[in-house]
């Protein structure tokens, strides 16, 4: 019998030098909560990222703030599963788009929520 592997990957975008979770993010957070409710045994990782503007040290901190804030929003507004949600900041790496152009930088300012067994 083949076992089906179920995963959920969501991305929340942030403004330049911003780490606050806003109502703009709530629809994606709601999808995460529905998945957590359905698969409570899956670990959840919020992965913060930045664009390449600013120092690497500052961007590392900013990415961690973003990841922490998304984790906190999940816990405060939707779930009470503190043990299963981890927040990790990755700074400027890995970019998913070109940091030279504005749209690429916008795409890199993100938190990814990953859930899988």
PDB file of N, CA and C in Angstrom:
ATOM      1  N   UNK A   1       0.839  -1.180   0.000  1.00  0.00           N
ATOM      2  CA  UNK A   1       0.000   0.000   0.000  1.00  0.00           C
ATOM      3  C   UNK A   1       0.886   1.246   0.000  1.00  0.00           C
ATOM      4  N   UNK A   2       0.613   2.161  -0.900  1.00  0.00           N
ATOM      5  CA  UNK A   2       1.382   3.400  -0.999  1.00  0.00           C
ATOM      6  C   UNK A   2       0.834   4.425  -0.016  1.00  0.00           C
ATOM      7  N   UNK A   3       1.732   5.074   0.707  1.00  0.00           N
ATOM      8  CA  UNK A   3       1.348   6.096   1.667  1.00  0.00           C
ATOM      9  C   UNK A   3       1.367   7.457   0.977  1.00  0.00           C
ATOM     10  N   UNK A   4       0.287   8.187   1.108  1.00  0.00           N
ATOM     11  CA  UNK A   4       0.202   9.514   0.504  1.00  0.00           C
ATOM     12  C   UNK A   4       0.884  10.529   1.430  1.00  0.00           C
ATOM     13  N   UNK A   5       1.794  11.319   0.877  1.00  0.00           N
ATOM     14  CA  UNK A   5       2.458  12.366   1.636  1.00  0.00           C
ATOM     15  C   UNK A   5       1.754  13.681   1.337  1.00  0.00           C
ATOM     16  N   UNK A   6       1.321  14.347   2.385  1.00  0.00           N
ATOM     17  CA  UNK A   6       0.593  15.594   2.244  1.00  0.00           C
ATOM     18  C   UNK A   6       1.474  16.721   2.769  1.00  0.00           C
ATOM     19  N   UNK A   7       1.600  17.779   1.993  1.00  0.00           N
ATOM     20  CA  UNK A   7       2.387  18.933   2.430  1.00  0.00           C
ATOM     21  C   UNK A   7       1.610  20.211   2.133  1.00  0.00           C
ATOM     22  N   UNK A   8       1.980  21.269   2.843  1.00  0.00           N
ATOM     23  CA  UNK A   8       1.424  22.582   2.567  1.00  0.00           C
ATOM     24  C   UNK A   8       2.568  23.578   2.634  1.00  0.00           C
ATOM     25  N   UNK A   9       2.711  24.389   1.610  1.00  0.00           N
ATOM     26  CA  UNK A   9       3.720  25.440   1.558  1.00  0.00           C
ATOM     27  C   UNK A   9       3.022  26.744   1.203  1.00  0.00           C
ATOM     28  N   UNK A  10       3.115  27.726   2.081  1.00  0.00           N
ATOM     29  CA  UNK A  10       2.501  29.033   1.866  1.00  0.00           C
ATOM     30  C   UNK A  10       3.576  30.106   1.938  1.00  0.00           C
ATOM     31  N   UNK A  11       3.343  31.228   1.275  1.00  0.00           N
ATOM     32  CA  UNK A  11       4.275  32.347   1.317  1.00  0.00           C
ATOM     33  C   UNK A  11       3.524  33.621   1.654  1.00  0.00           C
ATOM     34  N   UNK A  12       4.019  34.347   2.651  1.00  0.00           N
ATOM     35  CA  UNK A  12       3.481  35.645   3.036  1.00  0.00           C
ATOM     36  C   UNK A  12       4.525  36.703   2.698  1.00  0.00           C
ATOM     37  N   UNK A  13       4.131  37.733   1.956  1.00  0.00           N
ATOM     38  CA  UNK A  13       5.064  38.785   1.550  1.00  0.00           C
ATOM     39  C   UNK A  13       4.987  39.965   2.514  1.00  0.00           C
ATOM     40  N   UNK A  14       6.117  40.655   2.688  1.00  0.00           N
ATOM     41  CA  UNK A  14       6.222  41.787   3.605  1.00  0.00           C
ATOM     42  C   UNK A  14       6.744  43.008   2.868  1.00  0.00           C
ATOM     43  N   UNK A  15       6.427  44.185   3.381  1.00  0.00           N
ATOM     44  CA  UNK A  15       6.950  45.429   2.839  1.00  0.00           C
ATOM     45  C   UNK A  15       8.410  45.602   3.227  1.00  0.00           C
ATOM     46  N   UNK A  16       9.044  46.575   2.589  1.00  0.00           N
ATOM     47  CA  UNK A  16      10.447  46.872   2.879  1.00  0.00           C
ATOM     48  C   UNK A  16      10.611  47.237   4.349  1.00  0.00           C
ATOM     49  N   UNK A  17      11.545  46.558   5.018  1.00  0.00           N
ATOM     50  CA  UNK A  17      11.883  46.809   6.418  1.00  0.00           C
ATOM     51  C   UNK A  17      10.691  46.606   7.348  1.00  0.00           C
ATOM     52  N   UNK A  18       9.788  45.736   6.991  1.00  0.00           N
ATOM     53  CA  UNK A  18       8.593  45.448   7.797  1.00  0.00           C
ATOM     54  C   UNK A  18       8.609  43.999   8.246  1.00  0.00           C
ATOM     55  N   UNK A  19       8.085  43.783   9.468  1.00  0.00           N
ATOM     56  CA  UNK A  19       7.987  42.423   9.991  1.00  0.00           C
ATOM     57  C   UNK A  19       6.622  42.155  10.608  1.00  0.00           C
ATOM     58  N   UNK A  20       5.731  43.154  10.573  1.00  0.00           N
ATOM     59  CA  UNK A  20       4.429  43.005  11.210  1.00  0.00           C
ATOM     60  C   UNK A  20       3.492  42.156  10.358  1.00  0.00           C
ATOM     61  N   UNK A  21       2.773  41.277  11.029  1.00  0.00           N
ATOM     62  CA  UNK A  21       1.709  40.525  10.376  1.00  0.00           C
ATOM     63  C   UNK A  21       0.499  41.448  10.331  1.00  0.00           C
ATOM     64  N   UNK A  22      -0.117  41.561   9.159  1.00  0.00           N
ATOM     65  CA  UNK A  22      -1.251  42.463   8.967  1.00  0.00           C
ATOM     66  C   UNK A  22      -2.470  41.670   8.489  1.00  0.00           C
ATOM     67  N   UNK A  23      -3.635  42.305   8.454  1.00  0.00           N
ATOM     68  CA  UNK A  23      -4.815  41.620   7.913  1.00  0.00           C
ATOM     69  C   UNK A  23      -4.598  41.080   6.496  1.00  0.00           C
ATOM     70  N   UNK A  24      -3.696  41.682   5.746  1.00  0.00           N
ATOM     71  CA  UNK A  24      -3.352  41.209   4.406  1.00  0.00           C
ATOM     72  C   UNK A  24      -2.878  39.747   4.443  1.00  0.00           C
ATOM     73  N   UNK A  25      -2.292  39.320   5.546  1.00  0.00           N
ATOM     74  CA  UNK A  25      -1.742  37.972   5.676  1.00  0.00           C
ATOM     75  C   UNK A  25      -2.759  36.940   6.188  1.00  0.00           C
ATOM     76  N   UNK A  26      -3.900  37.390   6.679  1.00  0.00           N
ATOM     77  CA  UNK A  26      -4.806  36.490   7.393  1.00  0.00           C
ATOM     78  C   UNK A  26      -5.349  35.334   6.554  1.00  0.00           C
ATOM     79  N   UNK A  27      -5.602  35.547   5.270  1.00  0.00           N
ATOM     80  CA  UNK A  27      -6.125  34.448   4.451  1.00  0.00           C
ATOM     81  C   UNK A  27      -5.131  33.295   4.373  1.00  0.00           C
ATOM     82  N   UNK A  28      -3.852  33.622   4.197  1.00  0.00           N
ATOM     83  CA  UNK A  28      -2.836  32.571   4.138  1.00  0.00           C
ATOM     84  C   UNK A  28      -2.677  31.900   5.507  1.00  0.00           C
ATOM     85  N   UNK A  29      -2.736  32.691   6.572  1.00  0.00           N
ATOM     86  CA  UNK A  29      -2.629  32.111   7.912  1.00  0.00           C
ATOM     87  C   UNK A  29      -3.807  31.174   8.198  1.00  0.00           C
ATOM     88  N   UNK A  30      -4.978  31.548   7.706  1.00  0.00           N
ATOM     89  CA  UNK A  30      -6.156  30.691   7.901  1.00  0.00           C
ATOM     90  C   UNK A  30      -5.961  29.341   7.208  1.00  0.00           C
ATOM     91  N   UNK A  31      -5.363  29.339   6.020  1.00  0.00           N
ATOM     92  CA  UNK A  31      -5.070  28.078   5.327  1.00  0.00           C
ATOM     93  C   UNK A  31      -4.114  27.229   6.165  1.00  0.00           C
ATOM     94  N   UNK A  32      -3.137  27.870   6.773  1.00  0.00           N
ATOM     95  CA  UNK A  32      -2.185  27.136   7.614  1.00  0.00           C
ATOM     96  C   UNK A  32      -2.889  26.516   8.806  1.00  0.00           C
ATOM     97  N   UNK A  33      -3.776  27.259   9.428  1.00  0.00           N
ATOM     98  CA  UNK A  33      -4.496  26.753  10.591  1.00  0.00           C
ATOM     99  C   UNK A  33      -5.380  25.564  10.218  1.00  0.00           C
ATOM    100  N   UNK A  34      -6.053  25.658   9.088  1.00  0.00           N
ATOM    101  CA  UNK A  34      -6.895  24.542   8.642  1.00  0.00           C
ATOM    102  C   UNK A  34      -6.055  23.286   8.436  1.00  0.00           C
ATOM    103  N   UNK A  35      -4.865  23.459   7.901  1.00  0.00           N
ATOM    104  CA  UNK A  35      -3.969  22.317   7.694  1.00  0.00           C
ATOM    105  C   UNK A  35      -3.484  21.767   9.029  1.00  0.00           C
ATOM    106  N   UNK A  36      -3.124  22.656   9.954  1.00  0.00           N
ATOM    107  CA  UNK A  36      -2.681  22.223  11.286  1.00  0.00           C
ATOM    108  C   UNK A  36      -3.797  21.458  11.986  1.00  0.00           C
ATOM    109  N   UNK A  37      -5.027  21.954  11.874  1.00  0.00           N
ATOM    110  CA  UNK A  37      -6.164  21.264  12.491  1.00  0.00           C
ATOM    111  C   UNK A  37      -6.361  19.869  11.909  1.00  0.00           C
ATOM    112  N   UNK A  38      -6.137  19.736  10.618  1.00  0.00           N
ATOM    113  CA  UNK A  38      -6.337  18.452   9.945  1.00  0.00           C
ATOM    114  C   UNK A  38      -5.178  17.489  10.202  1.00  0.00           C
ATOM    115  N   UNK A  39      -3.957  18.025  10.303  1.00  0.00           N
ATOM    116  CA  UNK A  39      -2.763  17.204  10.498  1.00  0.00           C
ATOM    117  C   UNK A  39      -1.964  17.724  11.696  1.00  0.00           C
ATOM    118  N   UNK A  40      -2.501  17.596  12.905  1.00  0.00           N
ATOM    119  CA  UNK A  40      -1.832  18.192  14.071  1.00  0.00           C
ATOM    120  C   UNK A  40      -0.488  17.551  14.409  1.00  0.00           C
ATOM    121  N   UNK A  41      -0.198  16.406  13.843  1.00  0.00           N
ATOM    122  CA  UNK A  41       1.066  15.740  14.136  1.00  0.00           C
ATOM    123  C   UNK A  41       2.219  16.235  13.266  1.00  0.00           C
ATOM    124  N   UNK A  42       1.921  17.060  12.260  1.00  0.00           N
ATOM    125  CA  UNK A  42       2.964  17.562  11.363  1.00  0.00           C
ATOM    126  C   UNK A  42       3.686  18.741  12.004  1.00  0.00           C
ATOM    127  N   UNK A  43       5.010  18.774  11.921  1.00  0.00           N
ATOM    128  CA  UNK A  43       5.725  19.965  12.396  1.00  0.00           C
ATOM    129  C   UNK A  43       5.498  21.133  11.437  1.00  0.00           C
ATOM    130  N   UNK A  44       5.488  22.328  11.987  1.00  0.00           N
ATOM    131  CA  UNK A  44       5.287  23.552  11.221  1.00  0.00           C
ATOM    132  C   UNK A  44       6.547  24.401  11.364  1.00  0.00           C
ATOM    133  N   UNK A  45       7.063  24.908  10.241  1.00  0.00           N
ATOM    134  CA  UNK A  45       8.240  25.772  10.267  1.00  0.00           C
ATOM    135  C   UNK A  45       7.910  27.061   9.538  1.00  0.00           C
ATOM    136  N   UNK A  46       8.099  28.192  10.224  1.00  0.00           N
ATOM    137  CA  UNK A  46       7.983  29.491   9.564  1.00  0.00           C
ATOM    138  C   UNK A  46       9.400  29.938   9.237  1.00  0.00           C
ATOM    139  N   UNK A  47       9.653  30.204   7.952  1.00  0.00           N
ATOM    140  CA  UNK A  47      10.995  30.530   7.476  1.00  0.00           C
ATOM    141  C   UNK A  47      11.016  31.965   6.957  1.00  0.00           C
ATOM    142  N   UNK A  48      11.726  32.847   7.679  1.00  0.00           N
ATOM    143  CA  UNK A  48      11.795  34.248   7.305  1.00  0.00           C
ATOM    144  C   UNK A  48      12.931  34.537   6.346  1.00  0.00           C
ATOM    145  N   UNK A  49      12.680  35.465   5.414  1.00  0.00           N
ATOM    146  CA  UNK A  49      13.677  35.870   4.410  1.00  0.00           C
ATOM    147  C   UNK A  49      13.585  37.372   4.190  1.00  0.00           C
ATOM    148  N   UNK A  50      14.642  37.943   3.625  1.00  0.00           N
ATOM    149  CA  UNK A  50      14.672  39.364   3.280  1.00  0.00           C
ATOM    150  C   UNK A  50      15.206  39.530   1.860  1.00  0.00           C
ATOM    151  N   UNK A  51      15.134  40.773   1.371  1.00  0.00           N
ATOM    152  CA  UNK A  51      15.839  41.075   0.136  1.00  0.00           C
ATOM    153  C   UNK A  51      17.292  41.385   0.503  1.00  0.00           C
ATOM    154  N   UNK A  52      18.087  41.810  -0.452  1.00  0.00           N
ATOM    155  CA  UNK A  52      19.520  42.021  -0.211  1.00  0.00           C
ATOM    156  C   UNK A  52      19.865  43.458   0.178  1.00  0.00           C
ATOM    157  N   UNK A  53      18.876  44.314   0.350  1.00  0.00           N
ATOM    158  CA  UNK A  53      19.157  45.684   0.766  1.00  0.00           C
ATOM    159  C   UNK A  53      19.491  45.706   2.249  1.00  0.00           C
ATOM    160  N   UNK A  54      20.464  46.488   2.639  1.00  0.00           N
ATOM    161  CA  UNK A  54      20.861  46.559   4.037  1.00  0.00           C
ATOM    162  C   UNK A  54      21.967  45.567   4.340  1.00  0.00           C
ATOM    163  N   UNK A  55      22.442  45.603   5.588  1.00  0.00           N
ATOM    164  CA  UNK A  55      23.544  44.722   5.973  1.00  0.00           C
ATOM    165  C   UNK A  55      23.050  43.293   6.181  1.00  0.00           C
ATOM    166  N   UNK A  56      23.943  42.357   6.000  1.00  0.00           N
ATOM    167  CA  UNK A  56      23.600  40.947   6.195  1.00  0.00           C
ATOM    168  C   UNK A  56      23.172  40.698   7.639  1.00  0.00           C
ATOM    169  N   UNK A  57      23.833  41.344   8.594  1.00  0.00           N
ATOM    170  CA  UNK A  57      23.485  41.158  10.012  1.00  0.00           C
ATOM    171  C   UNK A  57      22.069  41.656  10.298  1.00  0.00           C
ATOM    172  N   UNK A  58      21.742  42.861   9.804  1.00  0.00           N
ATOM    173  CA  UNK A  58      20.401  43.397  10.005  1.00  0.00           C
ATOM    174  C   UNK A  58      19.357  42.508   9.327  1.00  0.00           C
ATOM    175  N   UNK A  59      19.639  42.072   8.119  1.00  0.00           N
ATOM    176  CA  UNK A  59      18.692  41.236   7.395  1.00  0.00           C
ATOM    177  C   UNK A  59      18.480  39.901   8.087  1.00  0.00           C
ATOM    178  N   UNK A  60      19.507  39.364   8.722  1.00  0.00           N
ATOM    179  CA  UNK A  60      19.338  38.131   9.491  1.00  0.00           C
ATOM    180  C   UNK A  60      18.344  38.363  10.630  1.00  0.00           C
ATOM    181  N   UNK A  61      18.528  39.478  11.354  1.00  0.00           N
ATOM    182  CA  UNK A  61      17.608  39.803  12.449  1.00  0.00           C
ATOM    183  C   UNK A  61      16.192  40.035  11.930  1.00  0.00           C
ATOM    184  N   UNK A  62      16.058  40.788  10.835  1.00  0.00           N
ATOM    185  CA  UNK A  62      14.747  41.077  10.270  1.00  0.00           C
ATOM    186  C   UNK A  62      14.042  39.793   9.836  1.00  0.00           C
ATOM    187  N   UNK A  63      14.781  38.890   9.231  1.00  0.00           N
ATOM    188  CA  UNK A  63      14.162  37.627   8.799  1.00  0.00           C
ATOM    189  C   UNK A  63      13.675  36.824  10.001  1.00  0.00           C
ATOM    190  N   UNK A  64      14.417  36.859  11.098  1.00  0.00           N
ATOM    191  CA  UNK A  64      13.991  36.146  12.312  1.00  0.00           C
ATOM    192  C   UNK A  64      12.759  36.811  12.918  1.00  0.00           C
ATOM    193  N   UNK A  65      12.709  38.153  12.918  1.00  0.00           N
ATOM    194  CA  UNK A  65      11.520  38.852  13.419  1.00  0.00           C
ATOM    195  C   UNK A  65      10.289  38.473  12.602  1.00  0.00           C
ATOM    196  N   UNK A  66      10.450  38.424  11.289  1.00  0.00           N
ATOM    197  CA  UNK A  66       9.324  38.032  10.436  1.00  0.00           C
ATOM    198  C   UNK A  66       8.844  36.629  10.766  1.00  0.00           C
ATOM    199  N   UNK A  67       9.777  35.696  10.849  1.00  0.00           N
ATOM    200  CA  UNK A  67       9.416  34.308  11.157  1.00  0.00           C
ATOM    201  C   UNK A  67       8.753  34.213  12.527  1.00  0.00           C
ATOM    202  N   UNK A  68       9.306  34.916  13.520  1.00  0.00           N
ATOM    203  CA  UNK A  68       8.729  34.910  14.875  1.00  0.00           C
ATOM    204  C   UNK A  68       7.325  35.500  14.886  1.00  0.00           C
ATOM    205  N   UNK A  69       7.124  36.600  14.141  1.00  0.00           N
ATOM    206  CA  UNK A  69       5.810  37.236  14.124  1.00  0.00           C
ATOM    207  C   UNK A  69       4.752  36.369  13.459  1.00  0.00           C
ATOM    208  N   UNK A  70       5.118  35.655  12.424  1.00  0.00           N
ATOM    209  CA  UNK A  70       4.159  34.739  11.786  1.00  0.00           C
ATOM    210  C   UNK A  70       3.842  33.595  12.745  1.00  0.00           C
ATOM    211  N   UNK A  71       4.850  33.067  13.407  1.00  0.00           N
ATOM    212  CA  UNK A  71       4.621  32.016  14.406  1.00  0.00           C
ATOM    213  C   UNK A  71       3.675  32.510  15.492  1.00  0.00           C
ATOM    214  N   UNK A  72       3.947  33.713  16.004  1.00  0.00           N
ATOM    215  CA  UNK A  72       3.117  34.287  17.059  1.00  0.00           C
ATOM    216  C   UNK A  72       1.682  34.491  16.579  1.00  0.00           C
ATOM    217  N   UNK A  73       1.516  34.962  15.339  1.00  0.00           N
ATOM    218  CA  UNK A  73       0.165  35.159  14.800  1.00  0.00           C
ATOM    219  C   UNK A  73      -0.588  33.838  14.718  1.00  0.00           C
ATOM    220  N   UNK A  74       0.100  32.791  14.305  1.00  0.00           N
ATOM    221  CA  UNK A  74      -0.544  31.476  14.256  1.00  0.00           C
ATOM    222  C   UNK A  74      -0.992  31.044  15.649  1.00  0.00           C
ATOM    223  N   UNK A  75      -0.140  31.269  16.631  1.00  0.00           N
ATOM    224  CA  UNK A  75      -0.461  30.864  18.000  1.00  0.00           C
ATOM    225  C   UNK A  75      -1.536  31.752  18.623  1.00  0.00           C
ATOM    226  N   UNK A  76      -1.433  33.060  18.438  1.00  0.00           N
ATOM    227  CA  UNK A  76      -2.361  34.008  19.068  1.00  0.00           C
ATOM    228  C   UNK A  76      -3.753  33.967  18.471  1.00  0.00           C
ATOM    229  N   UNK A  77      -3.829  33.897  17.168  1.00  0.00           N
ATOM    230  CA  UNK A  77      -5.115  34.047  16.508  1.00  0.00           C
ATOM    231  C   UNK A  77      -5.783  32.730  16.142  1.00  0.00           C
ATOM    232  N   UNK A  78      -4.984  31.675  16.004  1.00  0.00           N
ATOM    233  CA  UNK A  78      -5.572  30.494  15.403  1.00  0.00           C
ATOM    234  C   UNK A  78      -5.351  29.183  16.153  1.00  0.00           C
ATOM    235  N   UNK A  79      -4.165  28.921  16.633  1.00  0.00           N
ATOM    236  CA  UNK A  79      -3.909  27.613  17.231  1.00  0.00           C
ATOM    237  C   UNK A  79      -3.169  27.739  18.545  1.00  0.00           C
ATOM    238  N   UNK A  80      -3.224  26.679  19.304  1.00  0.00           N
ATOM    239  CA  UNK A  80      -2.517  26.617  20.580  1.00  0.00           C
ATOM    240  C   UNK A  80      -1.543  25.451  20.535  1.00  0.00           C
ATOM    241  N   UNK A  81      -0.678  25.467  19.550  1.00  0.00           N
ATOM    242  CA  UNK A  81       0.240  24.352  19.323  1.00  0.00           C
ATOM    243  C   UNK A  81       1.687  24.828  19.356  1.00  0.00           C
ATOM    244  N   UNK A  82       2.072  25.472  20.455  1.00  0.00           N
ATOM    245  CA  UNK A  82       3.403  26.081  20.539  1.00  0.00           C
ATOM    246  C   UNK A  82       4.527  25.085  20.307  1.00  0.00           C
ATOM    247  N   UNK A  83       4.353  23.865  20.717  1.00  0.00           N
ATOM    248  CA  UNK A  83       5.418  22.874  20.589  1.00  0.00           C
ATOM    249  C   UNK A  83       5.687  22.454  19.149  1.00  0.00           C
ATOM    250  N   UNK A  84       4.706  22.618  18.272  1.00  0.00           N
ATOM    251  CA  UNK A  84       4.888  22.111  16.910  1.00  0.00           C
ATOM    252  C   UNK A  84       5.292  23.186  15.907  1.00  0.00           C
ATOM    253  N   UNK A  85       5.405  24.461  16.344  1.00  0.00           N
ATOM    254  CA  UNK A  85       5.725  25.532  15.400  1.00  0.00           C
ATOM    255  C   UNK A  85       7.098  26.116  15.723  1.00  0.00           C
ATOM    256  N   UNK A  86       7.984  26.072  14.734  1.00  0.00           N
ATOM    257  CA  UNK A  86       9.342  26.584  14.862  1.00  0.00           C
ATOM    258  C   UNK A  86       9.526  27.766  13.914  1.00  0.00           C
ATOM    259  N   UNK A  87      10.260  28.790  14.362  1.00  0.00           N
ATOM    260  CA  UNK A  87      10.545  29.967  13.526  1.00  0.00           C
ATOM    261  C   UNK A  87      12.045  30.049  13.274  1.00  0.00           C
ATOM    262  N   UNK A  88      12.417  30.197  11.996  1.00  0.00           N
ATOM    263  CA  UNK A  88      13.826  30.274  11.615  1.00  0.00           C
ATOM    264  C   UNK A  88      14.013  31.437  10.644  1.00  0.00           C
ATOM    265  N   UNK A  89      15.005  32.275  10.908  1.00  0.00           N
ATOM    266  CA  UNK A  89      15.355  33.361   9.999  1.00  0.00           C
ATOM    267  C   UNK A  89      16.521  32.957   9.115  1.00  0.00           C
ATOM    268  N   UNK A  90      16.395  33.199   7.828  1.00  0.00           N
ATOM    269  CA  UNK A  90      17.435  32.845   6.864  1.00  0.00           C
ATOM    270  C   UNK A  90      18.121  34.068   6.250  1.00  0.00           C
ATOM    271  N   UNK A  91      17.762  35.263   6.704  1.00  0.00           N
ATOM    272  CA  UNK A  91      18.386  36.467   6.154  1.00  0.00           C
ATOM    273  C   UNK A  91      18.089  36.626   4.670  1.00  0.00           C
ATOM    274  N   UNK A  92      19.119  36.941   3.911  1.00  0.00           N
ATOM    275  CA  UNK A  92      18.987  37.199   2.476  1.00  0.00           C
ATOM    276  C   UNK A  92      18.957  35.920   1.641  1.00  0.00           C
ATOM    277  N   UNK A  93      19.140  34.774   2.269  1.00  0.00           N
ATOM    278  CA  UNK A  93      19.261  33.527   1.515  1.00  0.00           C
ATOM    279  C   UNK A  93      18.083  32.599   1.782  1.00  0.00           C
ATOM    280  N   UNK A  94      17.756  31.755   0.884  1.00  0.00           N
ATOM    281  CA  UNK A  94      18.084  31.841  -0.532  1.00  0.00           C
ATOM    282  C   UNK A  94      17.079  32.745  -1.231  1.00  0.00           C
ATOM    283  N   UNK A  95      17.538  33.627  -2.090  1.00  0.00           N
ATOM    284  CA  UNK A  95      16.582  34.461  -2.831  1.00  0.00           C
ATOM    285  C   UNK A  95      15.795  33.598  -3.821  1.00  0.00           C
ATOM    286  N   UNK A  96      14.550  33.980  -4.035  1.00  0.00           N
ATOM    287  CA  UNK A  96      13.736  33.274  -5.031  1.00  0.00           C
ATOM    288  C   UNK A  96      13.581  34.112  -6.296  1.00  0.00           C
ATOM    289  N   UNK A  97      14.076  35.363  -6.226  1.00  0.00           N
ATOM    290  CA  UNK A  97      13.979  36.267  -7.374  1.00  0.00           C
ATOM    291  C   UNK A  97      15.197  37.186  -7.375  1.00  0.00           C
ATOM    292  N   UNK A  98      15.353  37.918  -8.461  1.00  0.00           N
ATOM    293  CA  UNK A  98      16.489  38.813  -8.652  1.00  0.00           C
ATOM    294  C   UNK A  98      16.382  40.020  -7.722  1.00  0.00           C
ATOM    295  N   UNK A  99      17.392  40.244  -6.888  1.00  0.00           N
ATOM    296  CA  UNK A  99      17.400  41.376  -5.970  1.00  0.00           C
ATOM    297  C   UNK A  99      17.740  42.704  -6.635  1.00  0.00           C
ATOM    298  N   UNK A 100      18.046  42.698  -7.928  1.00  0.00           N
ATOM    299  CA  UNK A 100      18.390  43.925  -8.641  1.00  0.00           C
ATOM    300  C   UNK A 100      17.135  44.724  -8.989  1.00  0.00           C
ATOM    301  N   UNK A 101      16.034  44.024  -9.250  1.00  0.00           N
ATOM    302  CA  UNK A 101      14.801  44.706  -9.655  1.00  0.00           C
ATOM    303  C   UNK A 101      13.807  44.753  -8.488  1.00  0.00           C
ATOM    304  N   UNK A 102      12.960  45.779  -8.487  1.00  0.00           N
ATOM    305  CA  UNK A 102      12.023  45.997  -7.379  1.00  0.00           C
ATOM    306  C   UNK A 102      11.089  44.802  -7.167  1.00  0.00           C
ATOM    307  N   UNK A 103      10.551  44.233  -8.238  1.00  0.00           N
ATOM    308  CA  UNK A 103       9.635  43.107  -8.075  1.00  0.00           C
ATOM    309  C   UNK A 103      10.348  41.888  -7.491  1.00  0.00           C
ATOM    310  N   UNK A 104      11.586  41.687  -7.874  1.00  0.00           N
ATOM    311  CA  UNK A 104      12.360  40.584  -7.299  1.00  0.00           C
ATOM    312  C   UNK A 104      12.596  40.779  -5.818  1.00  0.00           C
ATOM    313  N   UNK A 105      12.946  41.997  -5.419  1.00  0.00           N
ATOM    314  CA  UNK A 105      13.142  42.283  -3.990  1.00  0.00           C
ATOM    315  C   UNK A 105      11.846  42.055  -3.224  1.00  0.00           C
ATOM    316  N   UNK A 106      10.719  42.467  -3.802  1.00  0.00           N
ATOM    317  CA  UNK A 106       9.409  42.267  -3.156  1.00  0.00           C
ATOM    318  C   UNK A 106       9.155  40.788  -2.913  1.00  0.00           C
ATOM    319  N   UNK A 107       9.446  39.955  -3.883  1.00  0.00           N
ATOM    320  CA  UNK A 107       9.230  38.515  -3.741  1.00  0.00           C
ATOM    321  C   UNK A 107      10.147  37.887  -2.684  1.00  0.00           C
ATOM    322  N   UNK A 108      11.317  38.455  -2.499  1.00  0.00           N
ATOM    323  CA  UNK A 108      12.272  37.913  -1.529  1.00  0.00           C
ATOM    324  C   UNK A 108      11.935  38.290  -0.092  1.00  0.00           C
ATOM    325  N   UNK A 109      11.127  39.318   0.111  1.00  0.00           N
ATOM    326  CA  UNK A 109      10.714  39.725   1.459  1.00  0.00           C
ATOM    327  C   UNK A 109       9.522  38.878   1.865  1.00  0.00           C
ATOM    328  N   UNK A 110       9.801  37.720   2.444  1.00  0.00           N
ATOM    329  CA  UNK A 110       8.749  36.741   2.632  1.00  0.00           C
ATOM    330  C   UNK A 110       8.974  35.892   3.885  1.00  0.00           C
ATOM    331  N   UNK A 111       7.867  35.252   4.301  1.00  0.00           N
ATOM    332  CA  UNK A 111       7.933  34.141   5.243  1.00  0.00           C
ATOM    333  C   UNK A 111       7.224  32.986   4.581  1.00  0.00           C
ATOM    334  N   UNK A 112       7.912  31.876   4.540  1.00  0.00           N
ATOM    335  CA  UNK A 112       7.329  30.641   4.017  1.00  0.00           C
ATOM    336  C   UNK A 112       6.875  29.806   5.204  1.00  0.00           C
ATOM    337  N   UNK A 113       5.692  29.235   5.088  1.00  0.00           N
ATOM    338  CA  UNK A 113       5.190  28.311   6.103  1.00  0.00           C
ATOM    339  C   UNK A 113       5.205  26.929   5.475  1.00  0.00           C
ATOM    340  N   UNK A 114       5.981  26.035   6.055  1.00  0.00           N
ATOM    341  CA  UNK A 114       6.094  24.676   5.529  1.00  0.00           C
ATOM    342  C   UNK A 114       5.572  23.672   6.553  1.00  0.00           C
ATOM    343  N   UNK A 115       4.742  22.748   6.089  1.00  0.00           N
ATOM    344  CA  UNK A 115       4.206  21.684   6.927  1.00  0.00           C
ATOM    345  C   UNK A 115       4.228  20.388   6.156  1.00  0.00           C
ATOM    346  N   UNK A 116       4.866  19.390   6.712  1.00  0.00           N
ATOM    347  CA  UNK A 116       4.894  18.066   6.108  1.00  0.00           C
ATOM    348  C   UNK A 116       5.369  17.071   7.162  1.00  0.00           C
ATOM    349  N   UNK A 117       5.088  15.796   6.937  1.00  0.00           N
ATOM    350  CA  UNK A 117       5.525  14.804   7.934  1.00  0.00           C
ATOM    351  C   UNK A 117       7.033  14.669   7.953  1.00  0.00           C
TER     352      UNK A 117
END
